[in-house]
PDB file of N, CA and C in Angstrom:
ATOM      1  N   MET A   1      -1.045  10.971  -2.186  1.00  0.00           N
ATOM      2  CA  MET A   1      -1.219  11.359  -0.812  1.00  0.00           C
ATOM      3  C   MET A   1      -0.896  10.147   0.058  1.00  0.00           C
ATOM      4  N   PRO A   2      -0.073  10.310   1.089  1.00  0.00           N
ATOM      5  CA  PRO A   2       0.224   9.180   1.982  1.00  0.00           C
ATOM      6  C   PRO A   2      -1.037   8.696   2.695  1.00  0.00           C
ATOM      7  N   PHE A   3      -1.069   7.419   2.946  1.00  0.00           N
ATOM      8  CA  PHE A   3      -2.256   6.811   3.549  1.00  0.00           C
ATOM      9  C   PHE A   3      -2.552   7.387   4.928  1.00  0.00           C
ATOM     10  N   THR A   4      -1.517   7.669   5.718  1.00  0.00           N
ATOM     11  CA  THR A   4      -1.748   8.222   7.065  1.00  0.00           C
ATOM     12  C   THR A   4      -2.405   9.596   6.982  1.00  0.00           C
ATOM     13  N   CYS A   5      -1.955  10.424   6.060  1.00  0.00           N
ATOM     14  CA  CYS A   5      -2.574  11.745   5.890  1.00  0.00           C
ATOM     15  C   CYS A   5      -4.027  11.609   5.440  1.00  0.00           C
ATOM     16  N   LEU A   6      -4.273  10.661   4.593  1.00  0.00           N
ATOM     17  CA  LEU A   6      -5.630  10.430   4.100  1.00  0.00           C
ATOM     18  C   LEU A   6      -6.561   9.997   5.232  1.00  0.00           C
ATOM     19  N   THR A   7      -6.099   9.102   6.082  1.00  0.00           N
ATOM     20  CA  THR A   7      -6.948   8.648   7.188  1.00  0.00           C
ATOM     21  C   THR A   7      -7.136   9.729   8.242  1.00  0.00           C
ATOM     22  N   PHE A   8      -6.099  10.531   8.507  1.00  0.00           N
ATOM     23  CA  PHE A   8      -6.255  11.641   9.460  1.00  0.00           C
ATOM     24  C   PHE A   8      -7.241  12.674   8.914  1.00  0.00           C
ATOM     25  N   ASN A   9      -7.179  12.946   7.623  1.00  0.00           N
ATOM     26  CA  ASN A   9      -8.117  13.882   7.012  1.00  0.00           C
ATOM     27  C   ASN A   9      -9.542  13.342   7.086  1.00  0.00           C
ATOM     28  N   PHE A  10      -9.702  12.058   6.834  1.00  0.00           N
ATOM     29  CA  PHE A  10     -11.023  11.439   6.899  1.00  0.00           C
ATOM     30  C   PHE A  10     -11.592  11.515   8.317  1.00  0.00           C
ATOM     31  N   ALA A  11     -10.747  11.230   9.315  1.00  0.00           N
ATOM     32  CA  ALA A  11     -11.187  11.307  10.707  1.00  0.00           C
ATOM     33  C   ALA A  11     -11.536  12.744  11.095  1.00  0.00           C
ATOM     34  N   TRP A  12     -10.741  13.697  10.627  1.00  0.00           N
ATOM     35  CA  TRP A  12     -11.003  15.102  10.915  1.00  0.00           C
ATOM     36  C   TRP A  12     -12.344  15.533  10.330  1.00  0.00           C
ATOM     37  N   GLU A  13     -12.616  15.118   9.131  1.00  0.00           N
ATOM     38  CA  GLU A  13     -13.873  15.495   8.488  1.00  0.00           C
ATOM     39  C   GLU A  13     -15.065  14.852   9.192  1.00  0.00           C
ATOM     40  N   ILE A  14     -14.923  13.636   9.667  1.00  0.00           N
ATOM     41  CA  ILE A  14     -16.020  12.991  10.402  1.00  0.00           C
ATOM     42  C   ILE A  14     -16.282  13.716  11.720  1.00  0.00           C
ATOM     43  N   MET A  15     -15.211  14.066  12.438  1.00  0.00           N
ATOM     44  CA  MET A  15     -15.387  14.810  13.694  1.00  0.00           C
ATOM     45  C   MET A  15     -16.025  16.169  13.436  1.00  0.00           C
ATOM     46  N   SER A  16     -15.608  16.824  12.380  1.00  0.00           N
ATOM     47  CA  SER A  16     -16.174  18.121  12.035  1.00  0.00           C
ATOM     48  C   SER A  16     -17.643  17.991  11.647  1.00  0.00           C
ATOM     49  N   MET A  17     -17.977  16.917  10.960  1.00  0.00           N
ATOM     50  CA  MET A  17     -19.361  16.693  10.575  1.00  0.00           C
ATOM     51  C   MET A  17     -20.229  16.458  11.813  1.00  0.00           C
ATOM     52  N   ILE A  18     -19.737  15.683  12.746  1.00  0.00           N
ATOM     53  CA  ILE A  18     -20.500  15.408  13.963  1.00  0.00           C
ATOM     54  C   ILE A  18     -20.683  16.673  14.786  1.00  0.00           C
ATOM     55  N   ASN A  19     -19.647  17.509  14.864  1.00  0.00           N
ATOM     56  CA  ASN A  19     -19.738  18.745  15.637  1.00  0.00           C
ATOM     57  C   ASN A  19     -20.649  19.775  14.987  1.00  0.00           C
ATOM     58  N   SER A  20     -20.872  19.697  13.706  1.00  0.00           N
ATOM     59  CA  SER A  20     -21.739  20.660  13.032  1.00  0.00           C
ATOM     60  C   SER A  20     -23.168  20.145  12.907  1.00  0.00           C
ATOM     61  N   PHE A  21     -23.531  19.146  13.669  1.00  0.00           N
ATOM     62  CA  PHE A  21     -24.845  18.517  13.531  1.00  0.00           C
ATOM     63  C   PHE A  21     -26.016  19.452  13.789  1.00  0.00           C
ATOM     64  N   PRO A  22     -26.016  20.322  14.805  1.00  0.00           N
ATOM     65  CA  PRO A  22     -27.221  21.143  15.005  1.00  0.00           C
ATOM     66  C   PRO A  22     -27.570  22.042  13.813  1.00  0.00           C
ATOM     67  N   ASP A  23     -26.580  22.498  13.093  1.00  0.00           N
ATOM     68  CA  ASP A  23     -26.845  23.330  11.921  1.00  0.00           C
ATOM     69  C   ASP A  23     -26.923  22.418  10.687  1.00  0.00           C
ATOM     70  N   LEU A  24     -28.100  22.292  10.148  1.00  0.00           N
ATOM     71  CA  LEU A  24     -28.345  21.322   9.077  1.00  0.00           C
ATOM     72  C   LEU A  24     -27.569  21.644   7.800  1.00  0.00           C
ATOM     73  N   THR A  25     -27.414  22.921   7.477  1.00  0.00           N
ATOM     74  CA  THR A  25     -26.710  23.294   6.248  1.00  0.00           C
ATOM     75  C   THR A  25     -25.260  22.841   6.297  1.00  0.00           C
ATOM     76  N   TYR A  26     -24.571  23.152   7.391  1.00  0.00           N
ATOM     77  CA  TYR A  26     -23.174  22.743   7.510  1.00  0.00           C
ATOM     78  C   TYR A  26     -23.038  21.229   7.604  1.00  0.00           C
ATOM     79  N   PHE A  27     -24.006  20.592   8.241  1.00  0.00           N
ATOM     80  CA  PHE A  27     -23.966  19.135   8.350  1.00  0.00           C
ATOM     81  C   PHE A  27     -24.050  18.491   6.968  1.00  0.00           C
ATOM     82  N   VAL A  28     -24.937  18.988   6.113  1.00  0.00           N
ATOM     83  CA  VAL A  28     -25.077  18.424   4.769  1.00  0.00           C
ATOM     84  C   VAL A  28     -23.817  18.685   3.950  1.00  0.00           C
ATOM     85  N   LEU A  29     -23.255  19.880   4.063  1.00  0.00           N
ATOM     86  CA  LEU A  29     -22.014  20.173   3.347  1.00  0.00           C
ATOM     87  C   LEU A  29     -20.871  19.276   3.824  1.00  0.00           C
ATOM     88  N   ARG A  30     -20.776  19.082   5.120  1.00  0.00           N
ATOM     89  CA  ARG A  30     -19.736  18.190   5.659  1.00  0.00           C
ATOM     90  C   ARG A  30     -19.978  16.749   5.238  1.00  0.00           C
ATOM     91  N   LEU A  31     -21.239  16.350   5.159  1.00  0.00           N
ATOM     92  CA  LEU A  31     -21.563  14.996   4.723  1.00  0.00           C
ATOM     93  C   LEU A  31     -21.127  14.772   3.273  1.00  0.00           C
ATOM     94  N   VAL A  32     -21.335  15.765   2.429  1.00  0.00           N
ATOM     95  CA  VAL A  32     -20.876  15.667   1.040  1.00  0.00           C
ATOM     96  C   VAL A  32     -19.357  15.575   1.010  1.00  0.00           C
ATOM     97  N   TRP A  33     -18.681  16.384   1.816  1.00  0.00           N
ATOM     98  CA  TRP A  33     -17.217  16.387   1.835  1.00  0.00           C
ATOM     99  C   TRP A  33     -16.677  15.054   2.346  1.00  0.00           C
ATOM    100  N   VAL A  34     -17.311  14.484   3.368  1.00  0.00           N
ATOM    101  CA  VAL A  34     -16.894  13.172   3.886  1.00  0.00           C
ATOM    102  C   VAL A  34     -17.125  12.105   2.821  1.00  0.00           C
ATOM    103  N   SER A  35     -18.195  12.223   2.070  1.00  0.00           N
ATOM    104  CA  SER A  35     -18.452  11.261   0.995  1.00  0.00           C
ATOM    105  C   SER A  35     -17.363  11.330  -0.076  1.00  0.00           C
ATOM    106  N   LEU A  36     -16.932  12.532  -0.419  1.00  0.00           N
ATOM    107  CA  LEU A  36     -15.848  12.670  -1.388  1.00  0.00           C
ATOM    108  C   LEU A  36     -14.539  12.096  -0.837  1.00  0.00           C
ATOM    109  N   ASP A  37     -14.276  12.323   0.454  1.00  0.00           N
ATOM    110  CA  ASP A  37     -13.090  11.723   1.067  1.00  0.00           C
ATOM    111  C   ASP A  37     -13.172  10.200   1.070  1.00  0.00           C
ATOM    112  N   LEU A  38     -14.364   9.688   1.258  1.00  0.00           N
ATOM    113  CA  LEU A  38     -14.546   8.237   1.229  1.00  0.00           C
ATOM    114  C   LEU A  38     -14.260   7.682  -0.166  1.00  0.00           C
ATOM    115  N   VAL A  39     -14.662   8.394  -1.197  1.00  0.00           N
ATOM    116  CA  VAL A  39     -14.358   7.974  -2.564  1.00  0.00           C
ATOM    117  C   VAL A  39     -12.850   7.952  -2.783  1.00  0.00           C
ATOM    118  N   ILE A  40     -12.154   8.983  -2.304  1.00  0.00           N
ATOM    119  CA  ILE A  40     -10.696   9.028  -2.431  1.00  0.00           C
ATOM    120  C   ILE A  40     -10.068   7.855  -1.687  1.00  0.00           C
ATOM    121  N   LEU A  41     -10.575   7.527  -0.502  1.00  0.00           N
ATOM    122  CA  LEU A  41     -10.050   6.411   0.281  1.00  0.00           C
ATOM    123  C   LEU A  41     -10.264   5.084  -0.438  1.00  0.00           C
ATOM    124  N   ILE A  42     -11.432   4.893  -1.032  1.00  0.00           N
ATOM    125  CA  ILE A  42     -11.723   3.656  -1.761  1.00  0.00           C
ATOM    126  C   ILE A  42     -10.823   3.534  -2.990  1.00  0.00           C
ATOM    127  N   VAL A  43     -10.648   4.637  -3.716  1.00  0.00           N
ATOM    128  CA  VAL A  43      -9.767   4.615  -4.884  1.00  0.00           C
ATOM    129  C   VAL A  43      -8.336   4.308  -4.463  1.00  0.00           C
ATOM    130  N   HIS A  44      -7.926   4.829  -3.313  1.00  0.00           N
ATOM    131  CA  HIS A  44      -6.581   4.536  -2.815  1.00  0.00           C
ATOM    132  C   HIS A  44      -6.434   3.045  -2.500  1.00  0.00           C
ATOM    133  N   PHE A  45      -7.460   2.444  -1.906  1.00  0.00           N
ATOM    134  CA  PHE A  45      -7.400   1.012  -1.620  1.00  0.00           C
ATOM    135  C   PHE A  45      -7.360   0.183  -2.905  1.00  0.00           C
ATOM    136  N   ILE A  46      -8.086   0.607  -3.919  1.00  0.00           N
ATOM    137  CA  ILE A  46      -8.138  -0.158  -5.162  1.00  0.00           C
ATOM    138  C   ILE A  46      -6.866   0.001  -5.978  1.00  0.00           C
ATOM    139  N   TYR A  47      -6.422   1.241  -6.181  1.00  0.00           N
ATOM    140  CA  TYR A  47      -5.325   1.503  -7.107  1.00  0.00           C
ATOM    141  C   TYR A  47      -4.007   1.859  -6.440  1.00  0.00           C
ATOM    142  N   GLY A  48      -4.009   2.125  -5.145  1.00  0.00           N
ATOM    143  CA  GLY A  48      -2.789   2.550  -4.477  1.00  0.00           C
ATOM    144  C   GLY A  48      -1.691   1.511  -4.499  1.00  0.00           C
ATOM    145  N   ASN A  49      -2.028   0.262  -4.276  1.00  0.00           N
ATOM    146  CA  ASN A  49      -1.041  -0.807  -4.263  1.00  0.00           C
ATOM    147  C   ASN A  49      -0.471  -1.048  -5.657  1.00  0.00           C
ATOM    148  N   ILE A  50      -1.280  -0.892  -6.672  1.00  0.00           N
ATOM    149  CA  ILE A  50      -0.810  -1.080  -8.052  1.00  0.00           C
ATOM    150  C   ILE A  50       0.221  -0.016  -8.411  1.00  0.00           C
ATOM    151  N   ILE A  51      -0.046   1.220  -8.035  1.00  0.00           N
ATOM    152  CA  ILE A  51       0.876   2.308  -8.347  1.00  0.00           C
ATOM    153  C   ILE A  51       2.176   2.152  -7.569  1.00  0.00           C
ATOM    154  N   ILE A  52       2.094   1.758  -6.313  1.00  0.00           N
ATOM    155  CA  ILE A  52       3.298   1.580  -5.507  1.00  0.00           C
ATOM    156  C   ILE A  52       4.155   0.445  -6.073  1.00  0.00           C
ATOM    157  N   ASN A  53       3.543  -0.653  -6.493  1.00  0.00           N
ATOM    158  CA  ASN A  53       4.305  -1.779  -7.045  1.00  0.00           C
ATOM    159  C   ASN A  53       4.859  -1.448  -8.425  1.00  0.00           C
ATOM    160  N   LYS A  54       4.213  -0.566  -9.173  1.00  0.00           N
ATOM    161  CA  LYS A  54       4.689  -0.225 -10.510  1.00  0.00           C
ATOM    162  C   LYS A  54       5.984   0.587 -10.446  1.00  0.00           C
ATOM    163  N   ARG A  55       6.182   1.362  -9.389  1.00  0.00           N
ATOM    164  CA  ARG A  55       7.384   2.171  -9.256  1.00  0.00           C
ATOM    165  C   ARG A  55       8.615   1.326  -8.998  1.00  0.00           C
ATOM    166  N   ASN A  56       8.452   0.204  -8.333  1.00  0.00           N
ATOM    167  CA  ASN A  56       9.616  -0.621  -7.952  1.00  0.00           C
ATOM    168  C   ASN A  56      10.080  -1.430  -9.074  1.00  0.00           C
TER     169      ASN A  56
END
């Protein structure tokens, strides 16, 4: 996944989580989803550069 798409998705999920704050159920579900996106972002930072350099 391109880094720009990943960051736009992460920002979208954070905005969606903030907008769903009054309803606790949706807020918790969005919080879990943002946490999973954060894991994907961290893995991209750790391993993304290695994979890109391996192709060249």
